[in-house]
């Protein structure tokens, strides 16, 4: 029998990582889905719509002081009355009571700001979201998606890690616009900072003024408390 040696690099190309493979999982349909929080609305991602998903396949319940999100397709939720302009900070605390409760790999949840044309095919916004694995991601839609720190984000010691699947993890996320800069802070530490010019312009945001709200990846469940905006 003749043995055939396959270089490690070639083998790595043939075998996808667990994250890559898991990243292709389909969105689950949430039972009794839809939005039951007065004044709130939402929109699922365009790629989810192309797969036949609808907003009612995810669920937003609770009240403005304690929102409960279960997805379903990846989605942004907001109240049209929640607007910010000039210099401001938007903050909220996210608790994933059971890490990876609805998936076999981490999915993100966080805040978005600078929402314009929300609910339409041309909506644009910038979001910063945390994973219970210790990673975070900053991404925008303008309306096409644009990445600020890579396709899957990056690790940062400020982002808390769950002890394991089924365990709780809480992240406080804040997005600040001040002068010519935009920052994202997680658990009190700035994890990302960009010049406005990097996120505002053709194919990106219309402005850093606009609606703010929350954004969840697909197949994720968490609560959101203390969603507030303060002027700087």
Protein backbone atom coordinates (compact mmCIF):
# COMPACT_ATOMS: atom_id res chain seq x y z
CA UNK A 1 0.00 0.00 0.00
CA UNK A 2 1.40 3.37 -0.95
CA UNK A 3 0.97 6.15 1.63
CA UNK A 4 0.04 9.60 0.41
CA UNK A 5 1.18 12.57 2.48
CA UNK A 6 -1.07 15.61 2.42
CA UNK A 7 0.55 18.90 3.52
CA UNK A 8 -1.02 20.40 6.62
CA UNK A 9 -1.85 23.63 4.79
CA UNK A 10 -3.74 21.75 2.08
CA UNK A 11 -5.57 19.70 4.67
CA UNK A 12 -6.60 22.86 6.50
CA UNK A 13 -8.13 24.16 3.28
CA UNK A 14 -10.19 21.00 2.92
CA UNK A 15 -11.53 20.95 6.47
CA UNK A 16 -13.59 24.02 7.51
CA UNK A 17 -13.35 25.29 11.04
CA UNK A 18 -16.24 24.79 13.40
CA UNK A 19 -16.99 28.51 13.29
CA UNK A 20 -17.05 28.60 9.49
CA UNK A 21 -19.26 25.54 9.33
CA UNK A 22 -21.50 26.78 12.12
CA UNK A 23 -21.72 30.21 10.54
CA UNK A 24 -23.86 28.66 7.79
CA UNK A 25 -26.59 27.44 10.14
CA UNK A 26 -30.09 28.44 9.12
CA UNK A 27 -32.16 30.85 11.18
CA UNK A 28 -34.72 29.13 13.38
CA UNK A 29 -38.32 30.25 13.31
CA UNK A 30 -39.31 31.56 16.74
CA UNK A 31 -42.70 30.43 17.96
CA UNK A 32 -45.19 33.19 18.77
CA UNK A 33 -42.85 35.66 17.10
CA UNK A 34 -43.35 39.32 16.25
CA UNK A 35 -43.12 42.58 18.19
CA UNK A 36 -45.22 43.18 21.31
CA UNK A 37 -43.40 46.24 22.71
CA UNK A 38 -45.51 49.38 22.04
CA UNK A 39 -43.88 51.88 19.69
CA UNK A 40 -41.16 49.50 18.52
CA UNK A 41 -40.55 48.08 15.06
CA UNK A 42 -37.80 46.19 13.27
CA UNK A 43 -36.31 44.84 10.08
CA UNK A 44 -34.44 41.63 9.38
CA UNK A 45 -31.26 41.59 7.30
CA UNK A 46 -31.58 41.60 3.52
CA UNK A 47 -29.77 38.26 3.21
CA UNK A 48 -32.34 36.77 5.60
CA UNK A 49 -35.18 38.15 3.47
CA UNK A 50 -33.65 36.52 0.40
CA UNK A 51 -33.89 33.18 2.21
CA UNK A 52 -37.60 33.68 2.78
CA UNK A 53 -37.35 34.82 6.41
CA UNK A 54 -39.80 37.40 7.78
CA UNK A 55 -39.78 39.72 10.78
CA UNK A 56 -42.29 37.56 12.65
CA UNK A 57 -39.77 34.71 12.68
CA UNK A 58 -37.97 36.65 15.45
CA UNK A 59 -39.46 38.01 18.66
CA UNK A 60 -39.24 41.25 20.65
CA UNK A 61 -41.18 41.24 23.92
CA UNK A 62 -41.09 42.82 27.37
CA UNK A 63 -41.08 46.59 27.75
CA UNK A 64 -38.67 49.46 26.93
CA UNK A 65 -36.96 49.08 30.32
CA UNK A 66 -36.40 45.33 29.89
CA UNK A 67 -36.53 44.15 26.30
CA UNK A 68 -36.41 40.42 25.56
CA UNK A 69 -35.11 39.39 22.15
CA UNK A 70 -35.20 35.93 20.61
CA UNK A 71 -34.02 35.34 17.06
CA UNK A 72 -34.67 33.82 14.43
CA UNK A 73 -33.23 35.79 11.55
CA UNK A 74 -30.67 38.54 12.25
CA UNK A 75 -32.60 41.70 13.03
CA UNK A 76 -32.47 45.33 14.13
CA UNK A 77 -35.15 46.70 16.47
CA UNK A 78 -35.86 50.34 17.26
CA UNK A 79 -38.41 52.90 18.37
CA UNK A 80 -38.62 55.71 15.77
CA UNK A 81 -38.81 58.23 18.63
CA UNK A 82 -35.30 57.25 19.79
CA UNK A 83 -33.11 59.72 17.92
CA UNK A 84 -29.69 61.20 18.64
CA UNK A 85 -27.82 64.08 17.03
CA UNK A 86 -24.58 65.97 17.55
CA UNK A 87 -22.44 64.64 20.39
CA UNK A 88 -24.06 61.81 22.34
CA UNK A 89 -23.66 58.40 23.99
CA UNK A 90 -26.07 55.49 23.68
CA UNK A 91 -25.78 52.78 26.34
CA UNK A 92 -27.48 49.47 27.16
CA UNK A 93 -26.78 46.30 29.13
CA UNK A 94 -27.18 42.94 27.40
CA UNK A 95 -27.57 39.66 29.31
CA UNK A 96 -27.37 36.31 27.60
CA UNK A 97 -28.90 34.19 30.37
CA UNK A 98 -27.86 30.95 28.69
CA UNK A 99 -24.83 31.39 26.44
CA UNK A 100 -25.35 29.76 23.02
CA UNK A 101 -28.86 28.74 24.07
CA UNK A 102 -30.09 28.59 20.45
CA UNK A 103 -26.88 27.86 18.56
CA UNK A 104 -23.69 25.81 18.63
CA UNK A 105 -21.34 28.79 18.27
CA UNK A 106 -21.30 32.42 19.50
CA UNK A 107 -23.54 35.00 17.87
CA UNK A 108 -23.41 38.77 18.56
CA UNK A 109 -25.81 41.31 20.06
CA UNK A 110 -25.38 45.02 20.63
CA UNK A 111 -26.31 48.62 19.81
CA UNK A 112 -26.73 50.55 16.61
CA UNK A 113 -26.64 54.29 16.04
CA UNK A 114 -26.95 56.70 13.08
CA UNK A 115 -30.01 54.96 11.66
CA UNK A 116 -31.44 56.57 8.55
CA UNK A 117 -34.17 55.39 6.16
CA UNK A 118 -34.89 52.68 8.71
CA UNK A 119 -37.32 50.00 7.62
CA UNK A 120 -36.56 50.53 3.92
CA UNK A 121 -34.23 48.82 1.47
CA UNK A 122 -31.92 51.83 1.82
CA UNK A 123 -31.60 51.83 5.61
CA UNK A 124 -28.16 52.61 7.04
CA UNK A 125 -26.70 52.33 10.52
CA UNK A 126 -23.54 51.44 12.44
CA UNK A 127 -23.49 48.79 15.15
CA UNK A 128 -21.14 47.50 17.83
CA UNK A 129 -21.94 44.05 19.18
CA UNK A 130 -20.39 41.62 21.65
CA UNK A 131 -20.06 37.85 21.65
CA UNK A 132 -20.11 35.78 24.84
CA UNK A 133 -16.80 34.34 23.65
CA UNK A 134 -14.89 37.57 24.33
CA UNK A 135 -15.04 38.96 20.80
CA UNK A 136 -16.76 42.06 19.44
CA UNK A 137 -17.65 43.33 15.99
CA UNK A 138 -18.23 46.78 14.49
CA UNK A 139 -20.07 46.85 11.20
CA UNK A 140 -22.25 49.18 9.20
CA UNK A 141 -24.96 49.04 6.58
CA UNK A 142 -24.97 51.79 4.03
CA UNK A 143 -27.23 50.04 2.82
CA UNK A 144 -24.70 47.41 1.72
CA UNK A 145 -22.67 46.05 4.67
CA UNK A 146 -19.22 47.42 5.41
CA UNK A 147 -16.80 45.99 7.95
CA UNK A 148 -14.83 48.05 10.44
CA UNK A 149 -12.88 45.33 12.27
CA UNK A 150 -13.05 42.27 10.08
CA UNK A 151 -15.64 39.75 9.02
CA UNK A 152 -15.84 38.09 12.44
CA UNK A 153 -14.58 40.93 14.60
CA UNK A 154 -11.77 40.55 17.11
CA UNK A 155 -11.06 39.61 20.70
CA UNK A 156 -10.68 42.14 23.49
CA UNK A 157 -10.09 41.49 27.20
CA UNK A 158 -12.85 43.96 28.10
CA UNK A 159 -15.48 41.70 26.55
CA UNK A 160 -16.69 39.16 29.08
CA UNK A 161 -16.59 35.44 28.38
CA UNK A 162 -19.28 33.04 29.47
CA UNK A 163 -18.06 30.19 31.67
CA UNK A 164 -19.48 27.79 29.11
CA UNK A 165 -22.59 26.96 27.07
CA UNK A 166 -25.74 27.51 29.09
CA UNK A 167 -23.99 29.89 31.50
CA UNK A 168 -24.90 33.60 31.88
CA UNK A 169 -22.84 36.48 30.52
CA UNK A 170 -23.54 40.23 30.66
CA UNK A 171 -22.05 43.02 28.54
CA UNK A 172 -22.54 46.78 28.93
CA UNK A 173 -22.15 48.40 25.53
CA UNK A 174 -21.89 52.11 24.75
CA UNK A 175 -21.49 53.96 21.47
CA UNK A 176 -20.32 57.57 21.56
CA UNK A 177 -20.19 60.28 18.93
CA UNK A 178 -18.06 63.24 19.93
CA UNK A 179 -16.42 65.75 17.64
CA UNK A 180 -14.98 63.91 14.65
CA UNK A 181 -14.81 60.50 16.36
CA UNK A 182 -17.05 57.51 17.01
CA UNK A 183 -16.21 55.08 19.82
CA UNK A 184 -17.51 51.79 21.08
CA UNK A 185 -16.94 50.90 24.74
CA UNK A 186 -17.70 47.51 26.26
CA UNK A 187 -17.81 47.08 30.03
CA UNK A 188 -16.27 50.50 30.51
CA UNK A 189 -13.30 50.14 28.15
CA UNK A 190 -13.06 51.67 24.67
CA UNK A 191 -12.56 48.75 22.28
CA UNK A 192 -12.83 50.64 18.98
CA UNK A 193 -12.48 54.23 17.80
CA UNK A 194 -12.91 55.65 14.30
CA UNK A 195 -12.89 59.01 12.58
CA UNK A 196 -16.28 60.02 11.25
CA UNK A 197 -14.77 60.16 7.78
CA UNK A 198 -14.22 56.41 7.94
CA UNK A 199 -17.93 55.63 8.37
CA UNK A 200 -19.78 58.56 6.74
CA UNK A 201 -19.87 58.95 2.98
CA UNK A 202 -20.77 57.18 -0.25
CA UNK A 203 -21.78 53.59 0.39
CA UNK A 204 -21.68 54.10 4.15
CA UNK A 205 -23.61 56.23 6.65
CA UNK A 206 -25.54 59.33 5.64
CA UNK A 207 -24.71 60.94 8.97
CA UNK A 208 -23.95 60.07 12.58
CA UNK A 209 -27.30 61.68 13.45
CA UNK A 210 -30.27 59.35 13.39
CA UNK A 211 -32.22 56.61 15.13
CA UNK A 212 -30.58 54.32 17.69
CA UNK A 213 -31.63 50.82 18.68
CA UNK A 214 -30.49 47.24 19.16
CA UNK A 215 -29.16 44.60 16.79
CA UNK A 216 -29.02 40.81 17.18
CA UNK A 217 -27.43 38.07 15.11
CA UNK A 218 -29.55 35.06 14.20
CA UNK A 219 -30.46 32.27 16.64
CA UNK A 220 -29.70 34.30 19.76
CA UNK A 221 -31.59 35.11 22.96
CA UNK A 222 -30.86 37.90 25.45
CA UNK A 223 -32.41 40.69 27.47
CA UNK A 224 -31.64 44.39 27.07
CA UNK A 225 -31.92 46.85 29.95
CA UNK A 226 -31.14 50.53 30.41
CA UNK A 227 -31.21 51.61 26.78
CA UNK A 228 -30.53 55.33 27.12
CA UNK A 229 -29.08 58.27 25.23
CA UNK A 230 -27.21 61.11 26.90
CA UNK A 231 -25.88 64.27 25.29
CA UNK A 232 -22.14 64.90 25.47
